[in-house]
Amino acid sequence: MSTPEQNAPAHTAGAAEESRPSLAALLLDPSFWADWASVVGLIGLVVVFGISQPVFLSVANLQALLLAAAILV
């Protein structure tokens, strides 16, 4: 007969946290950039154009962008 300690999972919550990579390691990982480069680039462009042009993030401009994209779809 087995004891509850023998049936317990091998990993614990502390071990799961240790296996998570640090932010620096994540940013240096090429597979991270392969998956997230387009999202990071889009966010960067929105920030740059939002700062440089005050009307970029206006409601009228967002409506115009959505209308132009809807025609293409």
C-alpha atoms as a PDB file:
ATOM      1  CA  MET A   1       0.000   0.000   0.000  1.00  0.00           C
ATOM      2  CA  SER A   2       1.336   3.475  -0.838  1.00  0.00           C
ATOM      3  CA  THR A   3       1.379   6.492   1.411  1.00  0.00           C
ATOM      4  CA  PRO A   4      -0.006   9.903   0.360  1.00  0.00           C
ATOM      5  CA  GLU A   5       3.549  11.224   0.133  1.00  0.00           C
ATOM      6  CA  GLN A   6       4.354   8.670  -2.550  1.00  0.00           C
ATOM      7  CA  ASN A   7       1.262   9.644  -4.573  1.00  0.00           C
ATOM      8  CA  ALA A   8       2.001  13.374  -4.418  1.00  0.00           C
ATOM      9  CA  PRO A   9       3.138  15.058  -7.648  1.00  0.00           C
ATOM     10  CA  ALA A  10       6.882  15.422  -8.042  1.00  0.00           C
ATOM     11  CA  HIS A  11       6.756  19.167  -8.655  1.00  0.00           C
ATOM     12  CA  THR A  12       5.626  21.839  -6.238  1.00  0.00           C
ATOM     13  CA  ALA A  13       4.552  25.443  -6.669  1.00  0.00           C
ATOM     14  CA  GLY A  14       8.069  26.635  -5.821  1.00  0.00           C
ATOM     15  CA  ALA A  15       9.605  24.445  -8.495  1.00  0.00           C
ATOM     16  CA  ALA A  16       7.169  25.771 -11.097  1.00  0.00           C
ATOM     17  CA  GLU A  17       8.185  29.344 -10.344  1.00  0.00           C
ATOM     18  CA  GLU A  18      11.881  28.485 -10.601  1.00  0.00           C
ATOM     19  CA  SER A  19      11.425  27.040 -14.082  1.00  0.00           C
ATOM     20  CA  ARG A  20       9.918  30.298 -15.384  1.00  0.00           C
ATOM     21  CA  PRO A  21      12.556  32.289 -17.314  1.00  0.00           C
ATOM     22  CA  SER A  22      13.462  35.783 -16.183  1.00  0.00           C
ATOM     23  CA  LEU A  23      12.467  38.809 -18.230  1.00  0.00           C
ATOM     24  CA  ALA A  24      16.054  39.332 -19.399  1.00  0.00           C
ATOM     25  CA  ALA A  25      16.319  35.715 -20.545  1.00  0.00           C
ATOM     26  CA  LEU A  26      12.962  35.997 -22.283  1.00  0.00           C
ATOM     27  CA  LEU A  27      13.991  39.146 -24.174  1.00  0.00           C
ATOM     28  CA  LEU A  28      17.224  37.493 -25.323  1.00  0.00           C
ATOM     29  CA  ASP A  29      15.403  34.387 -26.575  1.00  0.00           C
ATOM     30  CA  PRO A  30      15.031  34.428 -30.408  1.00  0.00           C
ATOM     31  CA  SER A  31      11.860  32.335 -30.271  1.00  0.00           C
ATOM     32  CA  PHE A  32      10.189  35.052 -28.166  1.00  0.00           C
ATOM     33  CA  TRP A  33      10.892  37.613 -30.878  1.00  0.00           C
ATOM     34  CA  ALA A  34       9.765  35.215 -33.604  1.00  0.00           C
ATOM     35  CA  ASP A  35       6.395  34.970 -31.871  1.00  0.00           C
ATOM     36  CA  TRP A  36       5.943  38.552 -30.643  1.00  0.00           C
ATOM     37  CA  ALA A  37       7.913  40.855 -32.995  1.00  0.00           C
ATOM     38  CA  SER A  38       4.860  42.014 -34.942  1.00  0.00           C
ATOM     39  CA  VAL A  39       2.880  42.801 -31.773  1.00  0.00           C
ATOM     40  CA  VAL A  40       5.786  44.689 -30.199  1.00  0.00           C
ATOM     41  CA  GLY A  41       6.352  46.572 -33.472  1.00  0.00           C
ATOM     42  CA  LEU A  42       2.681  47.536 -33.775  1.00  0.00           C
ATOM     43  CA  ILE A  43       2.593  48.803 -30.199  1.00  0.00           C
ATOM     44  CA  GLY A  44       5.793  50.766 -30.852  1.00  0.00           C
ATOM     45  CA  LEU A  45       4.326  52.383 -33.976  1.00  0.00           C
ATOM     46  CA  VAL A  46       1.118  53.350 -32.161  1.00  0.00           C
ATOM     47  CA  VAL A  47       3.151  54.954 -29.369  1.00  0.00           C
ATOM     48  CA  VAL A  48       5.451  56.848 -31.770  1.00  0.00           C
ATOM     49  CA  PHE A  49       2.657  58.146 -33.996  1.00  0.00           C
ATOM     50  CA  GLY A  50       0.427  58.881 -31.001  1.00  0.00           C
ATOM     51  CA  ILE A  51       3.132  61.099 -29.526  1.00  0.00           C
ATOM     52  CA  SER A  52       4.143  62.784 -32.792  1.00  0.00           C
ATOM     53  CA  GLN A  53       0.630  63.440 -34.151  1.00  0.00           C
ATOM     54  CA  PRO A  54      -2.067  64.501 -31.651  1.00  0.00           C
ATOM     55  CA  VAL A  55      -4.909  63.481 -33.996  1.00  0.00           C
ATOM     56  CA  PHE A  56      -3.556  59.948 -34.566  1.00  0.00           C
ATOM     57  CA  LEU A  57      -5.487  58.416 -31.673  1.00  0.00           C
ATOM     58  CA  SER A  58      -8.619  60.517 -32.174  1.00  0.00           C
ATOM     59  CA  VAL A  59     -12.047  58.939 -32.603  1.00  0.00           C
ATOM     60  CA  ALA A  60     -12.394  60.293 -36.146  1.00  0.00           C
ATOM     61  CA  ASN A  61      -9.054  58.818 -37.230  1.00  0.00           C
ATOM     62  CA  LEU A  62      -9.826  55.437 -35.650  1.00  0.00           C
ATOM     63  CA  GLN A  63     -13.190  55.384 -37.470  1.00  0.00           C
ATOM     64  CA  ALA A  64     -11.432  56.189 -40.744  1.00  0.00           C
ATOM     65  CA  LEU A  65      -8.910  53.383 -40.142  1.00  0.00           C
ATOM     66  CA  LEU A  66     -11.676  50.887 -39.397  1.00  0.00           C
ATOM     67  CA  LEU A  67     -13.631  51.977 -42.483  1.00  0.00           C
ATOM     68  CA  ALA A  68     -10.574  51.618 -44.710  1.00  0.00           C
ATOM     69  CA  ALA A  69      -9.794  48.180 -43.274  1.00  0.00           C
ATOM     70  CA  ALA A  70     -13.403  47.024 -43.665  1.00  0.00           C
ATOM     71  CA  ILE A  71     -13.301  47.702 -47.410  1.00  0.00           C
ATOM     72  CA  LEU A  72     -10.236  45.472 -47.794  1.00  0.00           C
ATOM     73  CA  VAL A  73     -11.850  42.604 -45.925  1.00  0.00           C
END
